[in-house]
Amino acid sequence: MNGTVATAGFGQFLHDRPSGARRWDVDGTGTAAVLAIFANTPALLASGIRVIA
């Protein structure tokens, strides 16, 4: 999802393109942890995320 705040009550990855921050909000409450900050901020699509557990 693009933006800085989760919009639903479940886990979401957030992509803040202007700042380059990639965040994870585990429960959709709006408290998201920054996972990484990138200098080059290309468009990010859901198909570009791979979760390995």
Protein backbone atom coordinates (compact mmCIF):
# COMPACT_ATOMS: atom_id res chain seq x y z
CA MET A 1 0.00 0.00 0.00
CA ASN A 2 1.24 3.50 -0.73
CA GLY A 3 1.25 5.98 2.15
CA THR A 4 2.31 6.30 5.76
CA VAL A 5 -0.72 5.01 7.69
CA ALA A 6 -2.50 1.65 7.54
CA THR A 7 -6.12 1.76 6.39
CA ALA A 8 -7.52 -1.55 7.66
CA GLY A 9 -7.36 -3.75 10.75
CA PHE A 10 -4.80 -6.28 9.52
CA GLY A 11 -1.05 -6.39 8.80
CA GLN A 12 0.11 -4.15 5.97
CA PHE A 13 3.32 -3.14 4.26
CA LEU A 14 3.45 0.61 3.69
CA HIS A 15 5.47 2.33 0.97
CA ASP A 16 6.13 6.02 1.57
CA ARG A 17 7.63 6.94 -1.78
CA PRO A 18 8.55 10.59 -0.98
CA SER A 19 10.70 9.60 2.03
CA GLY A 20 11.79 6.20 0.70
CA ALA A 21 10.59 4.47 3.89
CA ARG A 22 9.25 0.92 3.81
CA ARG A 23 7.15 0.13 6.88
CA TRP A 24 5.24 -2.79 8.40
CA ASP A 25 2.10 -2.32 10.49
CA VAL A 26 1.41 -5.67 12.12
CA ASP A 27 -2.23 -5.02 13.07
CA GLY A 28 -3.36 -2.00 11.03
CA THR A 29 -3.56 0.34 14.03
CA GLY A 30 -1.29 2.97 12.49
CA THR A 31 1.86 2.17 14.47
CA ALA A 32 4.20 1.01 11.73
CA ALA A 33 7.82 -0.04 12.14
CA VAL A 34 10.31 1.25 9.58
CA LEU A 35 11.95 -1.73 7.87
CA ALA A 36 14.23 0.22 5.53
CA ILE A 37 14.78 3.62 3.97
CA PHE A 38 15.90 3.74 0.34
CA ALA A 39 17.54 6.66 -1.46
CA ASN A 40 16.15 5.59 -4.83
CA THR A 41 12.38 5.30 -4.41
CA PRO A 42 10.88 3.53 -7.41
CA ALA A 43 7.21 2.61 -7.56
CA LEU A 44 6.48 -0.46 -5.46
CA LEU A 45 3.80 -2.99 -6.35
CA ALA A 46 2.43 -5.81 -4.21
CA SER A 47 3.89 -8.25 -6.74
CA GLY A 48 7.35 -6.84 -5.90
CA ILE A 49 7.22 -8.01 -2.27
CA ARG A 50 8.33 -11.50 -1.32
CA VAL A 51 8.00 -12.69 2.27
CA ILE A 52 10.20 -15.63 3.26
CA ALA A 53 9.34 -17.24 6.56
